[in-house]
PDB file of N, CA and C in Angstrom:
ATOM      1  N   UNK A   1      10.990 -56.330-215.038  1.00  0.00           N
ATOM      2  CA  UNK A   1      11.094 -55.789-213.441  1.00  0.00           C
ATOM      3  C   UNK A   1      12.421 -56.244-212.220  1.00  0.00           C
ATOM      4  N   UNK A   2      13.009 -54.830-212.697  1.00  0.00           N
ATOM      5  CA  UNK A   2      14.407 -54.189-211.414  1.00  0.00           C
ATOM      6  C   UNK A   2      14.292 -55.460-210.643  1.00  0.00           C
ATOM      7  N   UNK A   3      15.524 -55.700-209.716  1.00  0.00           N
ATOM      8  CA  UNK A   3      15.750 -56.720-208.559  1.00  0.00           C
ATOM      9  C   UNK A   3      15.016 -56.019-207.910  1.00  0.00           C
ATOM     10  N   UNK A   4      15.428 -55.218-207.334  1.00  0.00           N
ATOM     11  CA  UNK A   4      14.670 -54.183-206.364  1.00  0.00           C
ATOM     12  C   UNK A   4      13.843 -54.269-206.060  1.00  0.00           C
ATOM     13  N   UNK A   5      12.465 -53.954-207.345  1.00  0.00           N
ATOM     14  CA  UNK A   5      11.167 -54.323-207.023  1.00  0.00           C
ATOM     15  C   UNK A   5      10.768 -55.617-206.098  1.00  0.00           C
ATOM     16  N   UNK A   6      11.469 -57.081-207.026  1.00  0.00           N
ATOM     17  CA  UNK A   6      11.371 -57.746-206.675  1.00  0.00           C
ATOM     18  C   UNK A   6      11.756 -58.414-205.274  1.00  0.00           C
ATOM     19  N   UNK A   7      13.389 -57.582-205.199  1.00  0.00           N
ATOM     20  CA  UNK A   7      13.756 -58.478-203.372  1.00  0.00           C
ATOM     21  C   UNK A   7      12.063 -57.529-202.444  1.00  0.00           C
ATOM     22  N   UNK A   8      11.471 -56.885-202.597  1.00  0.00           N
ATOM     23  CA  UNK A   8      10.909 -56.125-201.926  1.00  0.00           C
ATOM     24  C   UNK A   8       9.451 -57.040-202.332  1.00  0.00           C
ATOM     25  N   UNK A   9       9.004 -57.785-203.404  1.00  0.00           N
ATOM     26  CA  UNK A   9       7.517 -58.303-203.631  1.00  0.00           C
ATOM     27  C   UNK A   9       8.245 -59.838-202.122  1.00  0.00           C
ATOM     28  N   UNK A  10       9.439 -60.038-202.427  1.00  0.00           N
ATOM     29  CA  UNK A  10      10.050 -61.078-202.266  1.00  0.00           C
ATOM     30  C   UNK A  10       9.386 -60.943-200.657  1.00  0.00           C
ATOM     31  N   UNK A  11      10.435 -60.005-199.204  1.00  0.00           N
ATOM     32  CA  UNK A  11      10.522 -59.841-198.705  1.00  0.00           C
ATOM     33  C   UNK A  11       8.351 -59.733-198.157  1.00  0.00           C
ATOM     34  N   UNK A  12       8.155 -58.726-198.580  1.00  0.00           N
ATOM     35  CA  UNK A  12       6.416 -58.336-198.685  1.00  0.00           C
ATOM     36  C   UNK A  12       5.347 -60.414-198.081  1.00  0.00           C
ATOM     37  N   UNK A  13       6.586 -61.483-199.426  1.00  0.00           N
ATOM     38  CA  UNK A  13       5.760 -62.891-199.114  1.00  0.00           C
ATOM     39  C   UNK A  13       6.516 -63.299-198.250  1.00  0.00           C
ATOM     40  N   UNK A  14       7.434 -62.984-197.460  1.00  0.00           N
ATOM     41  CA  UNK A  14       8.366 -64.004-196.646  1.00  0.00           C
ATOM     42  C   UNK A  14       7.560 -64.224-195.615  1.00  0.00           C
ATOM     43  N   UNK A  15       6.837 -63.171-195.250  1.00  0.00           N
ATOM     44  CA  UNK A  15       5.996 -64.213-194.058  1.00  0.00           C
ATOM     45  C   UNK A  15       4.855 -64.931-194.093  1.00  0.00           C
ATOM     46  N   UNK A  16       4.441 -65.506-193.389  1.00  0.00           N
ATOM     47  CA  UNK A  16       3.689 -67.038-193.771  1.00  0.00           C
ATOM     48  C   UNK A  16       1.770 -66.373-193.725  1.00  0.00           C
ATOM     49  N   UNK A  17       1.186 -65.922-192.971  1.00  0.00           N
ATOM     50  CA  UNK A  17       0.771 -64.862-192.573  1.00  0.00           C
ATOM     51  C   UNK A  17      -0.042 -64.288-193.989  1.00  0.00           C
ATOM     52  N   UNK A  18       1.392 -63.583-194.977  1.00  0.00           N
ATOM     53  CA  UNK A  18       1.234 -62.882-195.034  1.00  0.00           C
ATOM     54  C   UNK A  18       1.155 -63.185-196.806  1.00  0.00           C
ATOM     55  N   UNK A  19       2.023 -64.313-196.656  1.00  0.00           N
ATOM     56  CA  UNK A  19       2.376 -65.376-198.063  1.00  0.00           C
ATOM     57  C   UNK A  19      -0.233 -66.121-197.947  1.00  0.00           C
ATOM     58  N   UNK A  20      -0.128 -65.871-197.394  1.00  0.00           N
ATOM     59  CA  UNK A  20      -1.434 -67.350-197.348  1.00  0.00           C
ATOM     60  C   UNK A  20      -2.205 -65.917-197.757  1.00  0.00           C
ATOM     61  N   UNK A  21      -2.763 -64.404-197.153  1.00  0.00           N
ATOM     62  CA  UNK A  21      -3.831 -63.815-197.532  1.00  0.00           C
ATOM     63  C   UNK A  21      -3.440 -63.668-199.421  1.00  0.00           C
ATOM     64  N   UNK A  22      -2.337 -63.738-199.584  1.00  0.00           N
ATOM     65  CA  UNK A  22      -2.175 -62.805-200.941  1.00  0.00           C
ATOM     66  C   UNK A  22      -2.644 -64.581-202.038  1.00  0.00           C
ATOM     67  N   UNK A  23      -2.565 -65.349-201.153  1.00  0.00           N
ATOM     68  CA  UNK A  23      -3.174 -66.871-202.398  1.00  0.00           C
ATOM     69  C   UNK A  23      -4.280 -67.037-202.259  1.00  0.00           C
ATOM     70  N   UNK A  24      -4.951 -66.885-200.610  1.00  0.00           N
ATOM     71  CA  UNK A  24      -6.212 -66.844-200.473  1.00  0.00           C
ATOM     72  C   UNK A  24      -7.181 -65.554-201.658  1.00  0.00           C
ATOM     73  N   UNK A  25      -6.532 -64.528-201.663  1.00  0.00           N
ATOM     74  CA  UNK A  25      -6.999 -63.303-202.782  1.00  0.00           C
ATOM     75  C   UNK A  25      -7.352 -63.876-203.780  1.00  0.00           C
ATOM     76  N   UNK A  26      -6.170 -64.662-204.823  1.00  0.00           N
ATOM     77  CA  UNK A  26      -5.383 -65.435-205.965  1.00  0.00           C
ATOM     78  C   UNK A  26      -6.892 -65.668-205.802  1.00  0.00           C
ATOM     79  N   UNK A  27      -6.628 -67.051-205.855  1.00  0.00           N
ATOM     80  CA  UNK A  27      -7.762 -68.390-205.009  1.00  0.00           C
ATOM     81  C   UNK A  27      -9.444 -66.893-205.600  1.00  0.00           C
ATOM     82  N   UNK A  28      -9.461 -65.843-204.824  1.00  0.00           N
ATOM     83  CA  UNK A  28     -11.284 -65.427-204.669  1.00  0.00           C
ATOM     84  C   UNK A  28     -11.151 -64.084-204.947  1.00  0.00           C
ATOM     85  N   UNK A  29     -10.621 -63.434-205.877  1.00  0.00           N
ATOM     86  CA  UNK A  29     -10.259 -62.301-206.748  1.00  0.00           C
ATOM     87  C   UNK A  29     -10.823 -60.894-205.114  1.00  0.00           C
ATOM     88  N   UNK A  30     -11.171 -61.568-204.492  1.00  0.00           N
ATOM     89  CA  UNK A  30     -11.408 -59.514-204.338  1.00  0.00           C
ATOM     90  C   UNK A  30     -11.653 -60.282-202.785  1.00  0.00           C
ATOM     91  N   UNK A  31     -11.917 -59.699-201.565  1.00  0.00           N
ATOM     92  CA  UNK A  31     -11.998 -59.447-200.219  1.00  0.00           C
ATOM     93  C   UNK A  31     -11.519 -58.631-198.960  1.00  0.00           C
ATOM     94  N   UNK A  32     -11.993 -58.279-198.387  1.00  0.00           N
ATOM     95  CA  UNK A  32     -12.127 -57.208-197.872  1.00  0.00           C
ATOM     96  C   UNK A  32     -11.376 -57.413-196.280  1.00  0.00           C
ATOM     97  N   UNK A  33     -11.145 -57.147-195.219  1.00  0.00           N
ATOM     98  CA  UNK A  33     -10.716 -57.187-194.458  1.00  0.00           C
ATOM     99  C   UNK A  33     -11.436 -58.464-193.392  1.00  0.00           C
ATOM    100  N   UNK A  34     -12.237 -57.976-192.787  1.00  0.00           N
ATOM    101  CA  UNK A  34     -12.870 -58.989-192.134  1.00  0.00           C
ATOM    102  C   UNK A  34     -12.715 -60.353-192.180  1.00  0.00           C
ATOM    103  N   UNK A  35     -13.638 -60.516-193.916  1.00  0.00           N
ATOM    104  CA  UNK A  35     -13.424 -61.843-194.710  1.00  0.00           C
ATOM    105  C   UNK A  35     -11.708 -62.287-194.396  1.00  0.00           C
ATOM    106  N   UNK A  36     -11.110 -61.214-194.083  1.00  0.00           N
ATOM    107  CA  UNK A  36      -9.768 -62.129-194.220  1.00  0.00           C
ATOM    108  C   UNK A  36      -9.474 -62.894-193.671  1.00  0.00           C
ATOM    109  N   UNK A  37      -9.895 -61.837-192.101  1.00  0.00           N
ATOM    110  CA  UNK A  37      -9.685 -62.368-190.650  1.00  0.00           C
ATOM    111  C   UNK A  37     -10.185 -63.020-190.611  1.00  0.00           C
ATOM    112  N   UNK A  38     -11.547 -63.380-190.622  1.00  0.00           N
ATOM    113  CA  UNK A  38     -12.828 -64.540-190.284  1.00  0.00           C
ATOM    114  C   UNK A  38     -12.061 -65.619-190.782  1.00  0.00           C
ATOM    115  N   UNK A  39     -11.232 -65.829-191.988  1.00  0.00           N
ATOM    116  CA  UNK A  39     -11.145 -66.819-193.040  1.00  0.00           C
ATOM    117  C   UNK A  39      -9.777 -67.561-192.442  1.00  0.00           C
ATOM    118  N   UNK A  40      -9.022 -66.621-191.754  1.00  0.00           N
ATOM    119  CA  UNK A  40      -7.335 -67.224-191.168  1.00  0.00           C
ATOM    120  C   UNK A  40      -7.509 -67.138-189.760  1.00  0.00           C
ATOM    121  N   UNK A  41      -8.909 -66.832-189.376  1.00  0.00           N
ATOM    122  CA  UNK A  41      -9.101 -66.320-187.206  1.00  0.00           C
ATOM    123  C   UNK A  41      -7.411 -66.092-186.860  1.00  0.00           C
ATOM    124  N   UNK A  42      -7.562 -64.796-187.204  1.00  0.00           N
ATOM    125  CA  UNK A  42      -6.603 -63.961-187.258  1.00  0.00           C
ATOM    126  C   UNK A  42      -7.249 -62.341-186.326  1.00  0.00           C
ATOM    127  N   UNK A  43      -6.499 -61.599-185.567  1.00  0.00           N
ATOM    128  CA  UNK A  43      -7.790 -60.896-185.229  1.00  0.00           C
ATOM    129  C   UNK A  43      -7.555 -60.356-186.679  1.00  0.00           C
ATOM    130  N   UNK A  44      -8.446 -58.741-186.528  1.00  0.00           N
ATOM    131  CA  UNK A  44      -8.366 -58.186-187.066  1.00  0.00           C
ATOM    132  C   UNK A  44      -7.657 -56.689-188.021  1.00  0.00           C
ATOM    133  N   UNK A  45      -7.370 -56.517-186.828  1.00  0.00           N
ATOM    134  CA  UNK A  45      -5.696 -55.484-186.921  1.00  0.00           C
ATOM    135  C   UNK A  45      -4.749 -56.094-187.143  1.00  0.00           C
ATOM    136  N   UNK A  46      -4.606 -57.297-187.351  1.00  0.00           N
ATOM    137  CA  UNK A  46      -2.936 -58.024-187.437  1.00  0.00           C
ATOM    138  C   UNK A  46      -3.098 -57.692-189.391  1.00  0.00           C
ATOM    139  N   UNK A  47      -5.011 -58.311-189.485  1.00  0.00           N
ATOM    140  CA  UNK A  47      -5.138 -58.888-190.645  1.00  0.00           C
ATOM    141  C   UNK A  47      -4.818 -56.533-191.495  1.00  0.00           C
ATOM    142  N   UNK A  48      -4.984 -56.025-190.966  1.00  0.00           N
ATOM    143  CA  UNK A  48      -4.661 -54.031-190.768  1.00  0.00           C
ATOM    144  C   UNK A  48      -3.111 -53.903-191.824  1.00  0.00           C
ATOM    145  N   UNK A  49      -2.550 -54.796-190.189  1.00  0.00           N
ATOM    146  CA  UNK A  49      -0.909 -54.522-190.130  1.00  0.00           C
ATOM    147  C   UNK A  49       0.137 -55.213-192.112  1.00  0.00           C
ATOM    148  N   UNK A  50      -0.609 -56.039-191.421  1.00  0.00           N
ATOM    149  CA  UNK A  50      -0.409 -57.754-192.909  1.00  0.00           C
ATOM    150  C   UNK A  50      -0.807 -56.970-194.114  1.00  0.00           C
ATOM    151  N   UNK A  51      -1.563 -56.385-194.461  1.00  0.00           N
ATOM    152  CA  UNK A  51      -2.292 -55.869-195.697  1.00  0.00           C
ATOM    153  C   UNK A  51      -1.431 -54.023-196.355  1.00  0.00           C
ATOM    154  N   UNK A  52      -0.696 -53.781-194.713  1.00  0.00           N
ATOM    155  CA  UNK A  52      -0.348 -52.310-195.094  1.00  0.00           C
ATOM    156  C   UNK A  52       0.683 -52.803-195.662  1.00  0.00           C
ATOM    157  N   UNK A  53       1.744 -53.590-195.419  1.00  0.00           N
ATOM    158  CA  UNK A  53       2.345 -54.364-195.861  1.00  0.00           C
ATOM    159  C   UNK A  53       3.031 -55.039-197.495  1.00  0.00           C
ATOM    160  N   UNK A  54       1.205 -55.042-197.274  1.00  0.00           N
ATOM    161  CA  UNK A  54       1.147 -55.817-198.885  1.00  0.00           C
ATOM    162  C   UNK A  54       1.315 -54.949-199.976  1.00  0.00           C
ATOM    163  N   UNK A  55       0.611 -53.431-199.628  1.00  0.00           N
ATOM    164  CA  UNK A  55       0.086 -52.457-200.624  1.00  0.00           C
ATOM    165  C   UNK A  55       1.255 -51.571-200.564  1.00  0.00           C
ATOM    166  N   UNK A  56       2.060 -51.544-199.804  1.00  0.00           N
ATOM    167  CA  UNK A  56       2.911 -50.894-200.005  1.00  0.00           C
ATOM    168  C   UNK A  56       4.590 -51.112-200.666  1.00  0.00           C
ATOM    169  N   UNK A  57       5.143 -52.586-201.000  1.00  0.00           N
ATOM    170  CA  UNK A  57       5.111 -53.648-201.909  1.00  0.00           C
ATOM    171  C   UNK A  57       4.731 -53.520-203.110  1.00  0.00           C
ATOM    172  N   UNK A  58       3.136 -52.701-203.611  1.00  0.00           N
ATOM    173  CA  UNK A  58       2.662 -53.745-204.634  1.00  0.00           C
ATOM    174  C   UNK A  58       2.620 -55.469-205.013  1.00  0.00           C
ATOM    175  N   UNK A  59       2.258 -55.763-204.275  1.00  0.00           N
ATOM    176  CA  UNK A  59       1.868 -56.218-203.803  1.00  0.00           C
ATOM    177  C   UNK A  59       0.074 -57.218-204.180  1.00  0.00           C
ATOM    178  N   UNK A  60      -0.511 -56.411-203.658  1.00  0.00           N
ATOM    179  CA  UNK A  60      -1.527 -56.031-203.851  1.00  0.00           C
ATOM    180  C   UNK A  60      -2.098 -54.535-203.952  1.00  0.00           C
ATOM    181  N   UNK A  61      -4.013 -54.576-204.361  1.00  0.00           N
ATOM    182  CA  UNK A  61      -3.998 -53.123-204.528  1.00  0.00           C
ATOM    183  C   UNK A  61      -5.028 -52.953-203.684  1.00  0.00           C
ATOM    184  N   UNK A  62      -6.327 -51.819-203.103  1.00  0.00           N
ATOM    185  CA  UNK A  62      -6.639 -52.310-202.261  1.00  0.00           C
ATOM    186  C   UNK A  62      -8.141 -50.933-203.388  1.00  0.00           C
ATOM    187  N   UNK A  63      -9.338 -51.166-203.106  1.00  0.00           N
ATOM    188  CA  UNK A  63     -10.314 -50.024-203.501  1.00  0.00           C
ATOM    189  C   UNK A  63     -11.533 -49.901-203.288  1.00  0.00           C
ATOM    190  N   UNK A  64     -12.015 -49.160-202.670  1.00  0.00           N
ATOM    191  CA  UNK A  64     -13.691 -49.176-202.235  1.00  0.00           C
ATOM    192  C   UNK A  64     -14.879 -49.534-202.631  1.00  0.00           C
ATOM    193  N   UNK A  65     -16.135 -50.477-202.411  1.00  0.00           N
ATOM    194  CA  UNK A  65     -16.615 -50.263-202.577  1.00  0.00           C
ATOM    195  C   UNK A  65     -17.616 -50.394-201.573  1.00  0.00           C
ATOM    196  N   UNK A  66     -18.861 -49.463-201.574  1.00  0.00           N
ATOM    197  CA  UNK A  66     -19.329 -49.004-200.870  1.00  0.00           C
ATOM    198  C   UNK A  66     -18.714 -48.039-199.787  1.00  0.00           C
ATOM    199  N   UNK A  67     -18.840 -49.430-198.553  1.00  0.00           N
ATOM    200  CA  UNK A  67     -18.068 -48.454-197.278  1.00  0.00           C
ATOM    201  C   UNK A  67     -17.547 -49.497-197.366  1.00  0.00           C
ATOM    202  N   UNK A  68     -17.028 -50.564-197.793  1.00  0.00           N
ATOM    203  CA  UNK A  68     -15.325 -51.505-197.481  1.00  0.00           C
ATOM    204  C   UNK A  68     -14.252 -50.720-198.452  1.00  0.00           C
ATOM    205  N   UNK A  69     -13.401 -51.269-197.667  1.00  0.00           N
ATOM    206  CA  UNK A  69     -12.344 -51.235-198.808  1.00  0.00           C
ATOM    207  C   UNK A  69     -12.218 -53.398-199.090  1.00  0.00           C
ATOM    208  N   UNK A  70     -12.102 -52.694-200.814  1.00  0.00           N
ATOM    209  CA  UNK A  70     -11.870 -54.929-200.810  1.00  0.00           C
ATOM    210  C   UNK A  70      -9.663 -54.541-201.659  1.00  0.00           C
ATOM    211  N   UNK A  71      -9.349 -55.901-201.662  1.00  0.00           N
ATOM    212  CA  UNK A  71      -8.406 -56.209-201.597  1.00  0.00           C
ATOM    213  C   UNK A  71      -8.161 -57.234-202.989  1.00  0.00           C
ATOM    214  N   UNK A  72      -7.191 -57.275-203.017  1.00  0.00           N
ATOM    215  CA  UNK A  72      -6.800 -57.634-204.944  1.00  0.00           C
ATOM    216  C   UNK A  72      -5.918 -58.418-204.938  1.00  0.00           C
ATOM    217  N   UNK A  73      -4.907 -59.178-206.118  1.00  0.00           N
ATOM    218  CA  UNK A  73      -3.991 -59.326-206.303  1.00  0.00           C
ATOM    219  C   UNK A  73      -3.999 -58.615-207.442  1.00  0.00           C
ATOM    220  N   UNK A  74      -3.461 -57.412-208.406  1.00  0.00           N
ATOM    221  CA  UNK A  74      -3.511 -57.161-209.370  1.00  0.00           C
ATOM    222  C   UNK A  74      -2.525 -56.938-210.202  1.00  0.00           C
ATOM    223  N   UNK A  75      -1.006 -57.348-209.676  1.00  0.00           N
ATOM    224  CA  UNK A  75       1.168 -57.423-210.748  1.00  0.00           C
ATOM    225  C   UNK A  75       0.932 -59.177-210.814  1.00  0.00           C
ATOM    226  N   UNK A  76       1.187 -58.151-211.597  1.00  0.00           N
ATOM    227  CA  UNK A  76       0.825 -59.474-212.547  1.00  0.00           C
ATOM    228  C   UNK A  76       2.363 -60.296-212.509  1.00  0.00           C
ATOM    229  N   UNK A  77       3.388 -60.130-212.195  1.00  0.00           N
ATOM    230  CA  UNK A  77       4.652 -60.360-211.342  1.00  0.00           C
ATOM    231  C   UNK A  77       4.410 -61.728-210.120  1.00  0.00           C
ATOM    232  N   UNK A  78       3.862 -61.223-209.071  1.00  0.00           N
ATOM    233  CA  UNK A  78       3.208 -61.621-207.901  1.00  0.00           C
ATOM    234  C   UNK A  78       2.198 -63.165-208.856  1.00  0.00           C
ATOM    235  N   UNK A  79       1.096 -63.067-209.929  1.00  0.00           N
ATOM    236  CA  UNK A  79       0.873 -63.430-209.752  1.00  0.00           C
ATOM    237  C   UNK A  79       1.595 -65.099-210.348  1.00  0.00           C
ATOM    238  N   UNK A  80       2.681 -64.635-211.722  1.00  0.00           N
ATOM    239  CA  UNK A  80       3.768 -65.239-212.439  1.00  0.00           C
ATOM    240  C   UNK A  80       3.994 -65.881-210.875  1.00  0.00           C
ATOM    241  N   UNK A  81       4.710 -65.544-209.848  1.00  0.00           N
ATOM    242  CA  UNK A  81       5.033 -66.068-209.187  1.00  0.00           C
ATOM    243  C   UNK A  81       4.361 -67.501-208.260  1.00  0.00           C
ATOM    244  N   UNK A  82       3.994 -66.706-207.692  1.00  0.00           N
ATOM    245  CA  UNK A  82       3.128 -67.545-206.686  1.00  0.00           C
ATOM    246  C   UNK A  82       2.162 -68.175-207.436  1.00  0.00           C
ATOM    247  N   UNK A  83       1.361 -68.334-209.264  1.00  0.00           N
ATOM    248  CA  UNK A  83       1.404 -69.693-209.750  1.00  0.00           C
ATOM    249  C   UNK A  83       2.251 -70.924-210.507  1.00  0.00           C
ATOM    250  N   UNK A  84       3.659 -70.262-210.252  1.00  0.00           N
ATOM    251  CA  UNK A  84       4.797 -70.965-210.617  1.00  0.00           C
ATOM    252  C   UNK A  84       5.118 -72.400-209.197  1.00  0.00           C
ATOM    253  N   UNK A  85       4.933 -71.706-208.370  1.00  0.00           N
ATOM    254  CA  UNK A  85       4.477 -73.107-206.857  1.00  0.00           C
ATOM    255  C   UNK A  85       3.526 -73.590-206.967  1.00  0.00           C
ATOM    256  N   UNK A  86       3.801 -74.588-206.133  1.00  0.00           N
ATOM    257  CA  UNK A  86       3.287 -75.245-205.660  1.00  0.00           C
ATOM    258  C   UNK A  86       3.118 -75.577-204.323  1.00  0.00           C
ATOM    259  N   UNK A  87       1.889 -74.551-203.680  1.00  0.00           N
ATOM    260  CA  UNK A  87       1.221 -74.076-201.567  1.00  0.00           C
ATOM    261  C   UNK A  87       0.702 -74.324-201.364  1.00  0.00           C
ATOM    262  N   UNK A  88       1.281 -75.418-200.409  1.00  0.00           N
ATOM    263  CA  UNK A  88       0.168 -76.090-199.317  1.00  0.00           C
ATOM    264  C   UNK A  88      -0.224 -75.320-198.361  1.00  0.00           C
ATOM    265  N   UNK A  89      -1.454 -74.576-198.310  1.00  0.00           N
ATOM    266  CA  UNK A  89      -1.514 -73.136-197.927  1.00  0.00           C
ATOM    267  C   UNK A  89      -2.142 -73.326-195.982  1.00  0.00           C
ATOM    268  N   UNK A  90      -2.660 -75.654-196.235  1.00  0.00           N
ATOM    269  CA  UNK A  90      -2.965 -75.707-194.698  1.00  0.00           C
ATOM    270  C   UNK A  90      -1.901 -75.489-193.595  1.00  0.00           C
TER     271      UNK A  90
END
């Protein structure tokens, strides 16, 4: 992985809400924006903005499931990074 790409991943993960989103997606495999917003108790538009940043950095991917867009972490490097650290989501 090129250092620029890795820097973009770290930049995207540097916000606490985005880090929580990604860690929760790793536990659940995939989720839609409304469930993410409900789980974090934050407004859906805020979650959508964070999801957009994560998608642009190739941290997560979105796929259509019926009328919903579901998100998941498919980036192997992101998985390795987050599995290598102990994160307390409290």
